[in-house]
PDB file of N, CA and C in Angstrom:
ATOM      1  N   UNK A   1      10.053  40.299 111.058  1.00  0.00           N
ATOM      2  CA  UNK A   1       9.926  39.130 111.904  1.00  0.00           C
ATOM      3  C   UNK A   1       8.752  38.295 111.414  1.00  0.00           C
ATOM      4  N   UNK A   2       8.933  36.979 111.408  1.00  0.00           N
ATOM      5  CA  UNK A   2       7.913  36.038 110.979  1.00  0.00           C
ATOM      6  C   UNK A   2       7.502  35.164 112.164  1.00  0.00           C
ATOM      7  N   UNK A   3       6.267  34.736 112.168  1.00  0.00           N
ATOM      8  CA  UNK A   3       5.794  33.792 113.175  1.00  0.00           C
ATOM      9  C   UNK A   3       5.320  32.539 112.454  1.00  0.00           C
ATOM     10  N   UNK A   4       5.863  31.400 112.870  1.00  0.00           N
ATOM     11  CA  UNK A   4       5.533  30.118 112.268  1.00  0.00           C
ATOM     12  C   UNK A   4       5.176  29.115 113.350  1.00  0.00           C
ATOM     13  N   UNK A   5       4.605  28.009 112.936  1.00  0.00           N
ATOM     14  CA  UNK A   5       4.286  26.910 113.842  1.00  0.00           C
ATOM     15  C   UNK A   5       5.349  25.835 113.676  1.00  0.00           C
ATOM     16  N   UNK A   6       6.028  25.501 114.766  1.00  0.00           N
ATOM     17  CA  UNK A   6       7.027  24.443 114.749  1.00  0.00           C
ATOM     18  C   UNK A   6       6.345  23.127 115.105  1.00  0.00           C
ATOM     19  N   UNK A   7       6.337  22.182 114.164  1.00  0.00           N
ATOM     20  CA  UNK A   7       5.849  20.836 114.424  1.00  0.00           C
ATOM     21  C   UNK A   7       7.072  19.994 114.744  1.00  0.00           C
ATOM     22  N   UNK A   8       7.027  19.241 115.843  1.00  0.00           N
ATOM     23  CA  UNK A   8       8.211  18.454 116.197  1.00  0.00           C
ATOM     24  C   UNK A   8       7.830  17.125 116.805  1.00  0.00           C
ATOM     25  N   UNK A   9       8.785  16.216 116.769  1.00  0.00           N
ATOM     26  CA  UNK A   9       8.637  14.878 117.336  1.00  0.00           C
ATOM     27  C   UNK A   9      10.014  14.398 117.760  1.00  0.00           C
ATOM     28  N   UNK A  10      10.040  13.301 118.495  1.00  0.00           N
ATOM     29  CA  UNK A  10      11.319  12.736 118.915  1.00  0.00           C
ATOM     30  C   UNK A  10      11.622  11.490 118.096  1.00  0.00           C
ATOM     31  N   UNK A  11      12.883  11.354 117.710  1.00  0.00           N
ATOM     32  CA  UNK A  11      13.346  10.222 116.930  1.00  0.00           C
ATOM     33  C   UNK A  11      14.730   9.834 117.430  1.00  0.00           C
ATOM     34  N   UNK A  12      14.844   8.678 118.033  1.00  0.00           N
ATOM     35  CA  UNK A  12      16.113   8.194 118.599  1.00  0.00           C
ATOM     36  C   UNK A  12      16.743   9.203 119.553  1.00  0.00           C
ATOM     37  N   UNK A  13      15.923   9.837 120.376  1.00  0.00           N
ATOM     38  CA  UNK A  13      16.429  10.770 121.371  1.00  0.00           C
ATOM     39  C   UNK A  13      16.651  12.189 120.870  1.00  0.00           C
ATOM     40  N   UNK A  14      16.461  12.434 119.589  1.00  0.00           N
ATOM     41  CA  UNK A  14      16.615  13.764 119.006  1.00  0.00           C
ATOM     42  C   UNK A  14      15.237  14.394 118.819  1.00  0.00           C
ATOM     43  N   UNK A  15      15.178  15.701 118.932  1.00  0.00           N
ATOM     44  CA  UNK A  15      13.981  16.447 118.574  1.00  0.00           C
ATOM     45  C   UNK A  15      14.120  16.813 117.101  1.00  0.00           C
ATOM     46  N   UNK A  16      13.149  16.420 116.301  1.00  0.00           N
ATOM     47  CA  UNK A  16      13.144  16.681 114.866  1.00  0.00           C
ATOM     48  C   UNK A  16      11.938  17.566 114.584  1.00  0.00           C
ATOM     49  N   UNK A  17      12.114  18.564 113.734  1.00  0.00           N
ATOM     50  CA  UNK A  17      10.984  19.444 113.488  1.00  0.00           C
ATOM     51  C   UNK A  17      11.001  20.107 112.129  1.00  0.00           C
ATOM     52  N   UNK A  18       9.845  20.667 111.801  1.00  0.00           N
ATOM     53  CA  UNK A  18       9.678  21.415 110.553  1.00  0.00           C
ATOM     54  C   UNK A  18       8.700  22.546 110.804  1.00  0.00           C
ATOM     55  N   UNK A  19       8.716  23.509 109.925  1.00  0.00           N
ATOM     56  CA  UNK A  19       7.765  24.613 110.013  1.00  0.00           C
ATOM     57  C   UNK A  19       6.497  24.212 109.268  1.00  0.00           C
ATOM     58  N   UNK A  20       5.371  24.249 109.946  1.00  0.00           N
ATOM     59  CA  UNK A  20       4.102  23.851 109.324  1.00  0.00           C
ATOM     60  C   UNK A  20       3.839  24.673 108.066  1.00  0.00           C
ATOM     61  N   UNK A  21       4.092  25.961 108.136  1.00  0.00           N
ATOM     62  CA  UNK A  21       3.798  26.846 107.011  1.00  0.00           C
ATOM     63  C   UNK A  21       4.821  26.717 105.883  1.00  0.00           C
ATOM     64  N   UNK A  22       5.969  26.118 106.160  1.00  0.00           N
ATOM     65  CA  UNK A  22       7.011  25.913 105.152  1.00  0.00           C
ATOM     66  C   UNK A  22       7.715  24.595 105.478  1.00  0.00           C
ATOM     67  N   UNK A  23       7.095  23.447 105.166  1.00  0.00           N
ATOM     68  CA  UNK A  23       7.626  22.151 105.595  1.00  0.00           C
ATOM     69  C   UNK A  23       8.984  21.797 105.006  1.00  0.00           C
ATOM     70  N   UNK A  24       9.449  22.547 104.022  1.00  0.00           N
ATOM     71  CA  UNK A  24      10.792  22.293 103.480  1.00  0.00           C
ATOM     72  C   UNK A  24      11.873  22.696 104.483  1.00  0.00           C
ATOM     73  N   UNK A  25      11.518  23.520 105.464  1.00  0.00           N
ATOM     74  CA  UNK A  25      12.470  23.924 106.497  1.00  0.00           C
ATOM     75  C   UNK A  25      12.387  22.906 107.620  1.00  0.00           C
ATOM     76  N   UNK A  26      13.387  22.022 107.683  1.00  0.00           N
ATOM     77  CA  UNK A  26      13.442  20.949 108.687  1.00  0.00           C
ATOM     78  C   UNK A  26      14.824  20.939 109.321  1.00  0.00           C
ATOM     79  N   UNK A  27      14.890  20.473 110.569  1.00  0.00           N
ATOM     80  CA  UNK A  27      16.169  20.304 111.245  1.00  0.00           C
ATOM     81  C   UNK A  27      15.958  19.453 112.477  1.00  0.00           C
ATOM     82  N   UNK A  28      17.007  19.318 113.281  1.00  0.00           N
ATOM     83  CA  UNK A  28      16.921  18.541 114.517  1.00  0.00           C
ATOM     84  C   UNK A  28      17.796  19.183 115.577  1.00  0.00           C
ATOM     85  N   UNK A  29      17.596  18.741 116.817  1.00  0.00           N
ATOM     86  CA  UNK A  29      18.403  19.224 117.935  1.00  0.00           C
ATOM     87  C   UNK A  29      18.341  18.237 119.080  1.00  0.00           C
ATOM     88  N   UNK A  30      19.358  18.277 119.931  1.00  0.00           N
ATOM     89  CA  UNK A  30      19.391  17.360 121.074  1.00  0.00           C
ATOM     90  C   UNK A  30      18.349  17.722 122.134  1.00  0.00           C
ATOM     91  N   UNK A  31      17.939  18.996 122.163  1.00  0.00           N
ATOM     92  CA  UNK A  31      16.914  19.469 123.081  1.00  0.00           C
ATOM     93  C   UNK A  31      15.903  20.280 122.285  1.00  0.00           C
ATOM     94  N   UNK A  32      14.747  20.540 122.902  1.00  0.00           N
ATOM     95  CA  UNK A  32      13.745  21.364 122.224  1.00  0.00           C
ATOM     96  C   UNK A  32      14.279  22.774 121.988  1.00  0.00           C
ATOM     97  N   UNK A  33      15.022  23.305 122.946  1.00  0.00           N
ATOM     98  CA  UNK A  33      15.609  24.644 122.772  1.00  0.00           C
ATOM     99  C   UNK A  33      16.596  24.661 121.606  1.00  0.00           C
ATOM    100  N   UNK A  34      17.408  23.602 121.486  1.00  0.00           N
ATOM    101  CA  UNK A  34      18.363  23.517 120.378  1.00  0.00           C
ATOM    102  C   UNK A  34      17.631  23.407 119.049  1.00  0.00           C
ATOM    103  N   UNK A  35      16.540  22.632 119.024  1.00  0.00           N
ATOM    104  CA  UNK A  35      15.731  22.519 117.812  1.00  0.00           C
ATOM    105  C   UNK A  35      15.192  23.883 117.405  1.00  0.00           C
ATOM    106  N   UNK A  36      14.693  24.647 118.361  1.00  0.00           N
ATOM    107  CA  UNK A  36      14.154  25.971 118.051  1.00  0.00           C
ATOM    108  C   UNK A  36      15.238  26.894 117.488  1.00  0.00           C
ATOM    109  N   UNK A  37      16.427  26.863 118.065  1.00  0.00           N
ATOM    110  CA  UNK A  37      17.534  27.663 117.529  1.00  0.00           C
ATOM    111  C   UNK A  37      17.893  27.211 116.116  1.00  0.00           C
ATOM    112  N   UNK A  38      17.965  25.894 115.923  1.00  0.00           N
ATOM    113  CA  UNK A  38      18.356  25.352 114.619  1.00  0.00           C
ATOM    114  C   UNK A  38      17.318  25.642 113.544  1.00  0.00           C
ATOM    115  N   UNK A  39      16.033  25.613 113.898  1.00  0.00           N
ATOM    116  CA  UNK A  39      15.000  25.877 112.892  1.00  0.00           C
ATOM    117  C   UNK A  39      15.032  27.349 112.496  1.00  0.00           C
ATOM    118  N   UNK A  40      15.353  28.222 113.441  1.00  0.00           N
ATOM    119  CA  UNK A  40      15.508  29.652 113.094  1.00  0.00           C
ATOM    120  C   UNK A  40      16.666  29.824 112.123  1.00  0.00           C
ATOM    121  N   UNK A  41      17.797  29.165 112.417  1.00  0.00           N
ATOM    122  CA  UNK A  41      18.960  29.251 111.530  1.00  0.00           C
ATOM    123  C   UNK A  41      18.632  28.699 110.145  1.00  0.00           C
ATOM    124  N   UNK A  42      17.933  27.564 110.099  1.00  0.00           N
ATOM    125  CA  UNK A  42      17.578  26.950 108.815  1.00  0.00           C
ATOM    126  C   UNK A  42      16.676  27.882 108.004  1.00  0.00           C
ATOM    127  N   UNK A  43      15.717  28.519 108.673  1.00  0.00           N
ATOM    128  CA  UNK A  43      14.829  29.453 107.970  1.00  0.00           C
ATOM    129  C   UNK A  43      15.614  30.644 107.432  1.00  0.00           C
ATOM    130  N   UNK A  44      16.500  31.203 108.250  1.00  0.00           N
ATOM    131  CA  UNK A  44      17.298  32.345 107.808  1.00  0.00           C
ATOM    132  C   UNK A  44      18.185  31.981 106.621  1.00  0.00           C
ATOM    133  N   UNK A  45      18.792  30.794 106.650  1.00  0.00           N
ATOM    134  CA  UNK A  45      19.617  30.353 105.524  1.00  0.00           C
ATOM    135  C   UNK A  45      18.780  30.189 104.266  1.00  0.00           C
ATOM    136  N   UNK A  46      17.585  29.645 104.401  1.00  0.00           N
ATOM    137  CA  UNK A  46      16.713  29.481 103.246  1.00  0.00           C
ATOM    138  C   UNK A  46      16.356  30.841 102.649  1.00  0.00           C
ATOM    139  N   UNK A  47      16.081  31.811 103.505  1.00  0.00           N
ATOM    140  CA  UNK A  47      15.704  33.143 103.023  1.00  0.00           C
ATOM    141  C   UNK A  47      16.870  33.828 102.315  1.00  0.00           C
ATOM    142  N   UNK A  48      18.099  33.510 102.724  1.00  0.00           N
ATOM    143  CA  UNK A  48      19.273  34.088 102.068  1.00  0.00           C
ATOM    144  C   UNK A  48      19.511  33.487 100.695  1.00  0.00           C
ATOM    145  N   UNK A  49      19.175  32.216 100.508  1.00  0.00           N
ATOM    146  CA  UNK A  49      19.525  31.522  99.274  1.00  0.00           C
ATOM    147  C   UNK A  49      18.389  31.426  98.273  1.00  0.00           C
ATOM    148  N   UNK A  50      17.150  31.587  98.710  1.00  0.00           N
ATOM    149  CA  UNK A  50      16.012  31.480  97.804  1.00  0.00           C
ATOM    150  C   UNK A  50      15.278  32.804  97.736  1.00  0.00           C
ATOM    151  N   UNK A  51      14.769  33.138  96.554  1.00  0.00           N
ATOM    152  CA  UNK A  51      13.979  34.362  96.468  1.00  0.00           C
ATOM    153  C   UNK A  51      12.688  34.198  97.259  1.00  0.00           C
ATOM    154  N   UNK A  52      12.142  35.288  97.754  1.00  0.00           N
ATOM    155  CA  UNK A  52      10.882  35.195  98.492  1.00  0.00           C
ATOM    156  C   UNK A  52       9.788  34.594  97.612  1.00  0.00           C
ATOM    157  N   UNK A  53       8.913  33.806  98.183  1.00  0.00           N
ATOM    158  CA  UNK A  53       7.841  33.207  97.370  1.00  0.00           C
ATOM    159  C   UNK A  53       6.884  34.278  96.872  1.00  0.00           C
ATOM    160  N   UNK A  54       6.303  34.003  95.721  1.00  0.00           N
ATOM    161  CA  UNK A  54       5.305  34.931  95.194  1.00  0.00           C
ATOM    162  C   UNK A  54       4.008  34.709  95.946  1.00  0.00           C
ATOM    163  N   UNK A  55       3.218  35.723  95.985  1.00  0.00           N
ATOM    164  CA  UNK A  55       1.932  35.608  96.659  1.00  0.00           C
ATOM    165  C   UNK A  55       1.002  34.789  95.779  1.00  0.00           C
ATOM    166  N   UNK A  56       0.444  33.743  96.353  1.00  0.00           N
ATOM    167  CA  UNK A  56      -0.450  32.877  95.597  1.00  0.00           C
ATOM    168  C   UNK A  56      -1.738  32.713  96.392  1.00  0.00           C
ATOM    169  N   UNK A  57      -2.754  32.368  95.694  1.00  0.00           N
ATOM    170  CA  UNK A  57      -4.018  32.074  96.340  1.00  0.00           C
ATOM    171  C   UNK A  57      -4.006  30.594  96.726  1.00  0.00           C
ATOM    172  N   UNK A  58      -3.931  30.321  98.005  1.00  0.00           N
ATOM    173  CA  UNK A  58      -3.856  28.951  98.487  1.00  0.00           C
ATOM    174  C   UNK A  58      -5.231  28.503  98.944  1.00  0.00           C
ATOM    175  N   UNK A  59      -5.611  27.317  98.536  1.00  0.00           N
ATOM    176  CA  UNK A  59      -6.909  26.755  98.861  1.00  0.00           C
ATOM    177  C   UNK A  59      -6.719  25.468  99.644  1.00  0.00           C
ATOM    178  N   UNK A  60      -7.730  25.059 100.371  1.00  0.00           N
ATOM    179  CA  UNK A  60      -7.683  23.768 101.045  1.00  0.00           C
ATOM    180  C   UNK A  60      -9.045  23.119 100.969  1.00  0.00           C
ATOM    181  N   UNK A  61      -9.022  21.802 101.057  1.00  0.00           N
ATOM    182  CA  UNK A  61     -10.259  21.045 101.036  1.00  0.00           C
ATOM    183  C   UNK A  61     -10.026  19.811 101.908  1.00  0.00           C
ATOM    184  N   UNK A  62     -11.035  19.408 102.655  1.00  0.00           N
ATOM    185  CA  UNK A  62     -10.930  18.209 103.471  1.00  0.00           C
ATOM    186  C   UNK A  62     -11.285  17.012 102.614  1.00  0.00           C
ATOM    187  N   UNK A  63     -10.484  15.937 102.761  1.00  0.00           N
ATOM    188  CA  UNK A  63     -10.760  14.712 102.035  1.00  0.00           C
ATOM    189  C   UNK A  63     -10.741  13.539 102.987  1.00  0.00           C
ATOM    190  N   UNK A  64     -11.338  12.462 102.591  1.00  0.00           N
ATOM    191  CA  UNK A  64     -11.314  11.233 103.367  1.00  0.00           C
ATOM    192  C   UNK A  64     -10.362  10.269 102.698  1.00  0.00           C
ATOM    193  N   UNK A  65      -9.466   9.709 103.490  1.00  0.00           N
ATOM    194  CA  UNK A  65      -8.474   8.775 102.944  1.00  0.00           C
ATOM    195  C   UNK A  65      -8.687   7.428 103.582  1.00  0.00           C
TER     196      UNK A  65
END
């Protein structure tokens, strides 16, 4: 089991979201509950079709834009 952060917003009445930790996993739903179900399905499909990512050393830095 994995735990991720779902970032979501509304666009034309739809809930649209992505996983913060894996922003390539995106979907939408008519309700927040539907979005949550759909994002789980999207993540599971991605895991079936792509090999697991290799462990990498991830760094971050704050910048001013």
